[in-house]
Amino acid sequence: MFGTILVATDGSERATRAVQRALELVRHSGDTLHVVTAYEPPSVAKLEAMRAEIPEEVRWRLSADSEAGETLRAASNMARQAGVKIETHAEQGPPTRVILSVAQDIGASLIIVGSKGVERRILNSVPNGVAQHAECDVLIVHTA
C-alpha cells in the first residue's frame, strides 16, 4: 500500500496514538514498520542534579539513550501484540533532523508523526518541520 512506513515517537501518550495509527496501516500490508525516536543527552548540570535525587543503585540507568530504548521497547511491544514486524531506530539529535535522516536512510515512502507531543512548545514544531522537508508523504495524526 505505502511501502516503507516510518513512525516517530517520543514515548508520550500523544505520540503513542501515532504509533497505533501506523500499526493499523502496516498490519494490513504485512510490511515492516520502522519506529524512530530522537534523544538529546541532558546537560552535565542537569544530570548531576538528577543523580543526587536518585538512589545510587539505579543511577547507571540515568541516561537519555536508555530512555529512548524504553520508548522503542514500548513501541515494539505494541507491534508484537498487533502482529507487526518492527525495526527500531534511536539517534541522538534534534527530532526533525533525526526523523528526516532515518526516513532517507530507509527509503521511507510515508512518515507518520503526531500533531502534538513533547516538542509542541517549540515554534518550529516537529510535525511542521517534517512536513516541510520530507522527501515522501507525511501523515500527521491528530493527537490533541
N, C-alpha and C. Protein backbone atom coordinates (compact mmCIF):
# COMPACT_ATOMS: atom_id res chain seq x y z
N MET A 1 0.83 -1.19 0.00
CA MET A 1 0.00 0.00 0.00
C MET A 1 0.87 1.25 0.00
N PHE A 2 1.64 1.45 1.09
CA PHE A 2 2.52 2.61 1.17
C PHE A 2 3.98 2.24 1.01
N GLY A 3 4.34 1.00 1.18
CA GLY A 3 5.74 0.62 1.15
C GLY A 3 6.36 0.76 2.52
N THR A 4 7.48 1.44 2.59
CA THR A 4 8.21 1.58 3.85
C THR A 4 7.64 2.71 4.68
N ILE A 5 7.12 2.37 5.86
CA ILE A 5 6.50 3.37 6.74
C ILE A 5 7.38 3.59 7.96
N LEU A 6 7.59 4.87 8.27
CA LEU A 6 8.35 5.28 9.45
C LEU A 6 7.42 6.08 10.36
N VAL A 7 7.39 5.73 11.63
CA VAL A 7 6.61 6.50 12.59
C VAL A 7 7.56 7.00 13.67
N ALA A 8 7.35 8.25 14.07
CA ALA A 8 8.18 8.87 15.09
C ALA A 8 7.43 8.89 16.42
N THR A 9 8.16 8.65 17.50
CA THR A 9 7.56 8.69 18.82
C THR A 9 8.55 9.26 19.84
N ASP A 10 8.01 9.99 20.78
CA ASP A 10 8.83 10.46 21.90
C ASP A 10 8.42 9.73 23.18
N GLY A 11 7.56 8.73 23.04
CA GLY A 11 7.13 7.95 24.18
C GLY A 11 5.93 8.51 24.91
N SER A 12 5.49 9.71 24.51
CA SER A 12 4.34 10.32 25.18
C SER A 12 3.05 9.60 24.77
N GLU A 13 2.01 9.83 25.57
CA GLU A 13 0.71 9.24 25.25
C GLU A 13 0.22 9.72 23.88
N ARG A 14 0.47 10.98 23.58
CA ARG A 14 0.04 11.52 22.28
C ARG A 14 0.79 10.87 21.14
N ALA A 15 2.09 10.68 21.29
CA ALA A 15 2.87 10.05 20.23
C ALA A 15 2.46 8.59 20.06
N THR A 16 2.01 7.96 21.13
CA THR A 16 1.56 6.58 21.05
C THR A 16 0.35 6.45 20.12
N ARG A 17 -0.46 7.49 20.04
CA ARG A 17 -1.59 7.46 19.11
C ARG A 17 -1.11 7.39 17.66
N ALA A 18 -0.01 8.06 17.36
CA ALA A 18 0.56 8.00 16.01
C ALA A 18 1.10 6.60 15.75
N VAL A 19 1.73 5.98 16.75
CA VAL A 19 2.22 4.61 16.59
C VAL A 19 1.05 3.66 16.34
N GLN A 20 -0.03 3.84 17.06
CA GLN A 20 -1.21 2.99 16.86
C GLN A 20 -1.76 3.12 15.45
N ARG A 21 -1.81 4.34 14.94
CA ARG A 21 -2.30 4.55 13.58
C ARG A 21 -1.37 3.87 12.57
N ALA A 22 -0.06 3.98 12.80
CA ALA A 22 0.91 3.34 11.91
C ALA A 22 0.73 1.82 11.94
N LEU A 23 0.50 1.27 13.13
CA LEU A 23 0.29 -0.17 13.24
C LEU A 23 -0.94 -0.61 12.45
N GLU A 24 -2.00 0.19 12.49
CA GLU A 24 -3.20 -0.12 11.73
C GLU A 24 -2.89 -0.21 10.23
N LEU A 25 -2.10 0.75 9.74
CA LEU A 25 -1.77 0.76 8.31
C LEU A 25 -0.88 -0.42 7.93
N VAL A 26 0.11 -0.71 8.75
CA VAL A 26 1.08 -1.76 8.42
C VAL A 26 0.50 -3.15 8.61
N ARG A 27 -0.38 -3.31 9.57
CA ARG A 27 -0.96 -4.62 9.85
C ARG A 27 -1.61 -5.21 8.60
N HIS A 28 -2.22 -4.39 7.78
CA HIS A 28 -2.92 -4.87 6.59
C HIS A 28 -1.98 -5.14 5.42
N SER A 29 -0.83 -4.50 5.41
CA SER A 29 0.09 -4.66 4.28
C SER A 29 1.10 -5.77 4.51
N GLY A 30 1.36 -6.09 5.78
CA GLY A 30 2.37 -7.10 6.07
C GLY A 30 3.79 -6.56 6.02
N ASP A 31 3.94 -5.26 5.78
CA ASP A 31 5.26 -4.65 5.73
C ASP A 31 5.85 -4.52 7.13
N THR A 32 7.11 -4.14 7.18
CA THR A 32 7.78 -3.86 8.44
C THR A 32 7.60 -2.39 8.78
N LEU A 33 7.24 -2.12 10.02
CA LEU A 33 7.11 -0.75 10.50
C LEU A 33 8.44 -0.32 11.09
N HIS A 34 8.92 0.85 10.70
CA HIS A 34 10.12 1.43 11.28
C HIS A 34 9.68 2.48 12.29
N VAL A 35 10.23 2.41 13.50
CA VAL A 35 9.90 3.35 14.56
C VAL A 35 11.17 4.09 14.94
N VAL A 36 11.08 5.42 15.00
CA VAL A 36 12.25 6.23 15.33
C VAL A 36 11.97 7.10 16.54
N THR A 37 12.98 7.29 17.35
CA THR A 37 12.93 8.26 18.43
C THR A 37 14.26 8.99 18.47
N ALA A 38 14.20 10.24 18.83
CA ALA A 38 15.41 11.06 18.92
C ALA A 38 15.64 11.40 20.38
N TYR A 39 16.89 11.59 20.73
CA TYR A 39 17.18 11.96 22.11
C TYR A 39 18.35 12.93 22.15
N GLU A 40 18.33 13.74 23.16
CA GLU A 40 19.41 14.68 23.44
C GLU A 40 19.91 14.35 24.84
N PRO A 41 21.21 14.16 25.00
CA PRO A 41 21.69 13.91 26.36
C PRO A 41 21.49 15.15 27.23
N PRO A 42 21.16 14.95 28.51
CA PRO A 42 20.97 16.11 29.38
C PRO A 42 22.30 16.83 29.61
N SER A 43 22.22 18.10 29.95
CA SER A 43 23.43 18.86 30.27
C SER A 43 24.08 18.26 31.51
N VAL A 44 25.36 18.50 31.68
CA VAL A 44 26.08 17.97 32.84
C VAL A 44 25.45 18.48 34.13
N ALA A 45 25.08 19.76 34.18
CA ALA A 45 24.48 20.32 35.39
C ALA A 45 23.15 19.63 35.71
N LYS A 46 22.34 19.43 34.69
CA LYS A 46 21.05 18.77 34.90
C LYS A 46 21.25 17.32 35.33
N LEU A 47 22.20 16.66 34.70
CA LEU A 47 22.48 15.27 35.03
C LEU A 47 22.93 15.13 36.48
N GLU A 48 23.80 16.01 36.93
CA GLU A 48 24.27 15.96 38.31
C GLU A 48 23.13 16.24 39.28
N ALA A 49 22.27 17.19 38.96
CA ALA A 49 21.13 17.49 39.83
C ALA A 49 20.19 16.29 39.92
N MET A 50 19.96 15.62 38.80
CA MET A 50 19.08 14.45 38.78
C MET A 50 19.71 13.29 39.53
N ARG A 51 21.00 13.09 39.37
CA ARG A 51 21.70 11.98 40.03
C ARG A 51 21.57 12.08 41.55
N ALA A 52 21.60 13.30 42.08
CA ALA A 52 21.53 13.49 43.53
C ALA A 52 20.20 13.00 44.09
N GLU A 53 19.15 12.99 43.28
CA GLU A 53 17.82 12.61 43.75
C GLU A 53 17.51 11.13 43.55
N ILE A 54 18.41 10.40 42.88
CA ILE A 54 18.14 9.02 42.53
C ILE A 54 19.02 8.09 43.36
N PRO A 55 18.46 7.01 43.88
CA PRO A 55 19.26 6.07 44.67
C PRO A 55 20.48 5.58 43.88
N GLU A 56 21.58 5.44 44.56
CA GLU A 56 22.85 5.07 43.92
C GLU A 56 22.75 3.79 43.10
N GLU A 57 21.99 2.80 43.56
CA GLU A 57 21.93 1.51 42.88
C GLU A 57 21.26 1.57 41.50
N VAL A 58 20.53 2.64 41.20
CA VAL A 58 19.90 2.75 39.87
C VAL A 58 20.43 3.93 39.07
N ARG A 59 21.43 4.62 39.54
CA ARG A 59 21.95 5.78 38.82
C ARG A 59 22.50 5.43 37.44
N TRP A 60 23.01 4.23 37.27
CA TRP A 60 23.57 3.83 35.98
C TRP A 60 22.52 3.88 34.88
N ARG A 61 21.24 3.80 35.24
CA ARG A 61 20.17 3.82 34.23
C ARG A 61 19.81 5.22 33.77
N LEU A 62 20.39 6.23 34.41
CA LEU A 62 20.03 7.62 34.12
C LEU A 62 20.77 8.12 32.88
N SER A 63 20.14 7.96 31.75
CA SER A 63 20.74 8.48 30.52
C SER A 63 19.64 8.63 29.48
N ALA A 64 19.86 9.57 28.57
CA ALA A 64 18.88 9.83 27.53
C ALA A 64 18.72 8.64 26.60
N ASP A 65 19.82 7.96 26.30
CA ASP A 65 19.70 6.84 25.38
C ASP A 65 18.96 5.66 26.00
N SER A 66 19.03 5.48 27.32
CA SER A 66 18.25 4.41 27.93
C SER A 66 16.77 4.76 27.92
N GLU A 67 16.43 6.05 28.05
CA GLU A 67 15.03 6.47 27.94
C GLU A 67 14.52 6.22 26.52
N ALA A 68 15.36 6.50 25.52
CA ALA A 68 14.99 6.22 24.13
C ALA A 68 14.75 4.73 23.94
N GLY A 69 15.59 3.93 24.57
CA GLY A 69 15.41 2.47 24.48
C GLY A 69 14.09 2.03 25.07
N GLU A 70 13.71 2.63 26.19
CA GLU A 70 12.41 2.31 26.80
C GLU A 70 11.26 2.69 25.86
N THR A 71 11.38 3.84 25.22
CA THR A 71 10.36 4.29 24.26
C THR A 71 10.21 3.29 23.13
N LEU A 72 11.33 2.82 22.61
CA LEU A 72 11.28 1.86 21.50
C LEU A 72 10.81 0.49 21.95
N ARG A 73 11.14 0.08 23.17
CA ARG A 73 10.64 -1.20 23.69
C ARG A 73 9.12 -1.16 23.80
N ALA A 74 8.57 -0.04 24.25
CA ALA A 74 7.10 0.08 24.35
C ALA A 74 6.47 -0.04 22.97
N ALA A 75 7.05 0.62 21.97
CA ALA A 75 6.51 0.53 20.61
C ALA A 75 6.65 -0.90 20.07
N SER A 76 7.76 -1.56 20.39
CA SER A 76 7.96 -2.94 19.95
C SER A 76 6.92 -3.87 20.56
N ASN A 77 6.59 -3.65 21.82
CA ASN A 77 5.56 -4.46 22.47
C ASN A 77 4.21 -4.26 21.79
N MET A 78 3.90 -3.02 21.46
CA MET A 78 2.63 -2.74 20.77
C MET A 78 2.62 -3.46 19.41
N ALA A 79 3.73 -3.42 18.70
CA ALA A 79 3.81 -4.06 17.39
C ALA A 79 3.66 -5.57 17.50
N ARG A 80 4.32 -6.14 18.49
CA ARG A 80 4.24 -7.58 18.69
C ARG A 80 2.79 -8.00 18.95
N GLN A 81 2.09 -7.23 19.79
CA GLN A 81 0.68 -7.53 20.09
C GLN A 81 -0.19 -7.41 18.85
N ALA A 82 0.18 -6.52 17.93
CA ALA A 82 -0.59 -6.32 16.69
C ALA A 82 -0.15 -7.28 15.59
N GLY A 83 0.89 -8.06 15.84
CA GLY A 83 1.38 -8.99 14.83
C GLY A 83 2.13 -8.30 13.71
N VAL A 84 2.80 -7.20 14.03
CA VAL A 84 3.51 -6.40 13.02
C VAL A 84 5.01 -6.52 13.23
N LYS A 85 5.74 -6.70 12.12
CA LYS A 85 7.21 -6.70 12.19
C LYS A 85 7.67 -5.26 12.39
N ILE A 86 8.73 -5.09 13.18
CA ILE A 86 9.17 -3.75 13.51
C ILE A 86 10.70 -3.67 13.50
N GLU A 87 11.19 -2.53 13.07
CA GLU A 87 12.61 -2.19 13.20
C GLU A 87 12.65 -0.86 13.91
N THR A 88 13.57 -0.74 14.87
CA THR A 88 13.64 0.48 15.66
C THR A 88 14.93 1.24 15.39
N HIS A 89 14.83 2.56 15.56
CA HIS A 89 15.95 3.45 15.31
C HIS A 89 15.96 4.51 16.41
N ALA A 90 17.08 4.62 17.14
CA ALA A 90 17.26 5.68 18.13
C ALA A 90 18.52 6.43 17.75
N GLU A 91 18.38 7.72 17.58
CA GLU A 91 19.54 8.52 17.22
C GLU A 91 19.57 9.79 18.04
N GLN A 92 20.77 10.23 18.33
CA GLN A 92 20.95 11.47 19.07
C GLN A 92 20.85 12.64 18.11
N GLY A 93 20.08 13.65 18.51
CA GLY A 93 19.96 14.86 17.71
C GLY A 93 18.58 15.45 17.80
N PRO A 94 18.40 16.59 17.14
CA PRO A 94 17.08 17.22 17.13
C PRO A 94 16.06 16.31 16.42
N PRO A 95 14.85 16.20 16.96
CA PRO A 95 13.88 15.26 16.41
C PRO A 95 13.62 15.40 14.91
N THR A 96 13.41 16.61 14.43
CA THR A 96 13.11 16.77 13.00
C THR A 96 14.25 16.23 12.15
N ARG A 97 15.48 16.58 12.50
CA ARG A 97 16.63 16.12 11.72
C ARG A 97 16.76 14.60 11.77
N VAL A 98 16.57 14.02 12.95
CA VAL A 98 16.68 12.57 13.10
C VAL A 98 15.60 11.86 12.27
N ILE A 99 14.37 12.32 12.36
CA ILE A 99 13.27 11.69 11.62
C ILE A 99 13.56 11.73 10.12
N LEU A 100 13.94 12.89 9.61
CA LEU A 100 14.21 13.03 8.18
C LEU A 100 15.41 12.19 7.74
N SER A 101 16.43 12.11 8.58
CA SER A 101 17.62 11.33 8.26
C SER A 101 17.30 9.84 8.18
N VAL A 102 16.58 9.33 9.17
CA VAL A 102 16.22 7.91 9.17
C VAL A 102 15.30 7.61 7.99
N ALA A 103 14.35 8.50 7.73
CA ALA A 103 13.44 8.31 6.60
C ALA A 103 14.23 8.17 5.30
N GLN A 104 15.22 9.01 5.12
CA GLN A 104 16.04 8.94 3.91
C GLN A 104 16.86 7.64 3.88
N ASP A 105 17.44 7.28 5.01
CA ASP A 105 18.28 6.08 5.09
C ASP A 105 17.51 4.81 4.75
N ILE A 106 16.25 4.73 5.17
CA ILE A 106 15.47 3.50 4.93
C ILE A 106 14.61 3.58 3.67
N GLY A 107 14.63 4.73 3.01
CA GLY A 107 13.81 4.90 1.81
C GLY A 107 12.33 4.93 2.12
N ALA A 108 11.95 5.64 3.17
CA ALA A 108 10.55 5.69 3.58
C ALA A 108 9.68 6.29 2.49
N SER A 109 8.50 5.71 2.32
CA SER A 109 7.52 6.28 1.40
C SER A 109 6.43 7.02 2.17
N LEU A 110 6.41 6.85 3.50
CA LEU A 110 5.45 7.55 4.35
C LEU A 110 6.07 7.74 5.73
N ILE A 111 5.96 8.97 6.24
CA ILE A 111 6.37 9.28 7.60
C ILE A 111 5.10 9.63 8.37
N ILE A 112 4.96 9.04 9.56
CA ILE A 112 3.80 9.33 10.41
C ILE A 112 4.30 10.01 11.68
N VAL A 113 3.72 11.14 11.99
CA VAL A 113 4.04 11.87 13.22
C VAL A 113 2.74 12.32 13.87
N GLY A 114 2.80 12.55 15.16
CA GLY A 114 1.64 13.10 15.86
C GLY A 114 1.60 14.60 15.72
N SER A 115 0.40 15.17 15.85
CA SER A 115 0.25 16.62 15.69
C SER A 115 0.80 17.38 16.89
N LYS A 116 0.79 16.74 18.04
CA LYS A 116 1.31 17.38 19.25
C LYS A 116 2.02 16.35 20.08
N GLY A 117 3.03 16.80 20.78
CA GLY A 117 3.79 15.92 21.66
C GLY A 117 4.63 16.76 22.58
N VAL A 118 5.70 16.21 23.05
CA VAL A 118 6.58 16.92 23.96
C VAL A 118 7.12 18.19 23.31
N GLU A 119 7.39 18.16 22.03
CA GLU A 119 8.02 19.28 21.34
C GLU A 119 7.04 20.38 20.92
N ARG A 120 5.78 20.30 21.31
CA ARG A 120 4.78 21.26 20.83
C ARG A 120 5.05 22.69 21.27
N ARG A 121 5.86 22.85 22.28
CA ARG A 121 6.15 24.19 22.79
C ARG A 121 7.11 24.96 21.88
N ILE A 122 7.76 24.29 20.98
CA ILE A 122 8.74 24.93 20.11
C ILE A 122 8.00 25.53 18.90
N LEU A 123 8.32 26.77 18.59
CA LEU A 123 7.64 27.47 17.50
C LEU A 123 7.72 26.69 16.19
N ASN A 124 8.88 26.21 15.82
CA ASN A 124 9.04 25.42 14.61
C ASN A 124 8.86 23.95 15.00
N SER A 125 7.63 23.50 15.08
CA SER A 125 7.32 22.18 15.62
C SER A 125 7.87 21.06 14.76
N VAL A 126 8.00 19.90 15.37
CA VAL A 126 8.50 18.72 14.68
C VAL A 126 7.58 18.34 13.51
N PRO A 127 6.26 18.22 13.71
CA PRO A 127 5.41 17.86 12.57
C PRO A 127 5.53 18.86 11.41
N ASN A 128 5.59 20.13 11.74
CA ASN A 128 5.73 21.16 10.72
C ASN A 128 7.05 21.01 9.96
N GLY A 129 8.14 20.83 10.70
CA GLY A 129 9.45 20.66 10.07
C GLY A 129 9.52 19.42 9.20
N VAL A 130 8.96 18.32 9.68
CA VAL A 130 8.97 17.09 8.90
C VAL A 130 8.15 17.28 7.63
N ALA A 131 6.95 17.84 7.77
CA ALA A 131 6.09 18.04 6.60
C ALA A 131 6.73 18.94 5.55
N GLN A 132 7.45 19.96 6.00
CA GLN A 132 8.06 20.90 5.06
C GLN A 132 9.27 20.32 4.33
N HIS A 133 10.00 19.41 4.98
CA HIS A 133 11.27 18.97 4.42
C HIS A 133 11.33 17.51 3.99
N ALA A 134 10.28 16.75 4.22
CA ALA A 134 10.29 15.33 3.87
C ALA A 134 10.31 15.15 2.36
N GLU A 135 10.96 14.08 1.93
CA GLU A 135 11.02 13.73 0.51
C GLU A 135 9.98 12.67 0.16
N CYS A 136 9.02 12.46 1.07
CA CYS A 136 7.96 11.49 0.85
C CYS A 136 6.68 12.03 1.48
N ASP A 137 5.61 11.25 1.40
CA ASP A 137 4.35 11.66 2.03
C ASP A 137 4.49 11.69 3.54
N VAL A 138 3.71 12.57 4.17
CA VAL A 138 3.70 12.69 5.62
C VAL A 138 2.25 12.63 6.09
N LEU A 139 1.99 11.79 7.07
CA LEU A 139 0.68 11.71 7.70
C LEU A 139 0.82 12.27 9.10
N ILE A 140 0.08 13.34 9.38
CA ILE A 140 0.10 13.94 10.71
C ILE A 140 -1.18 13.52 11.42
N VAL A 141 -1.01 12.69 12.43
CA VAL A 141 -2.14 12.13 13.17
C VAL A 141 -2.59 13.14 14.21
N HIS A 142 -3.87 13.43 14.24
CA HIS A 142 -4.41 14.38 15.23
C HIS A 142 -4.30 13.75 16.60
N THR A 143 -3.48 14.35 17.48
CA THR A 143 -3.26 13.79 18.79
C THR A 143 -3.56 14.76 19.91
N ALA A 144 -4.27 15.83 19.63
CA ALA A 144 -4.56 16.86 20.65
C ALA A 144 -5.50 16.34 21.70
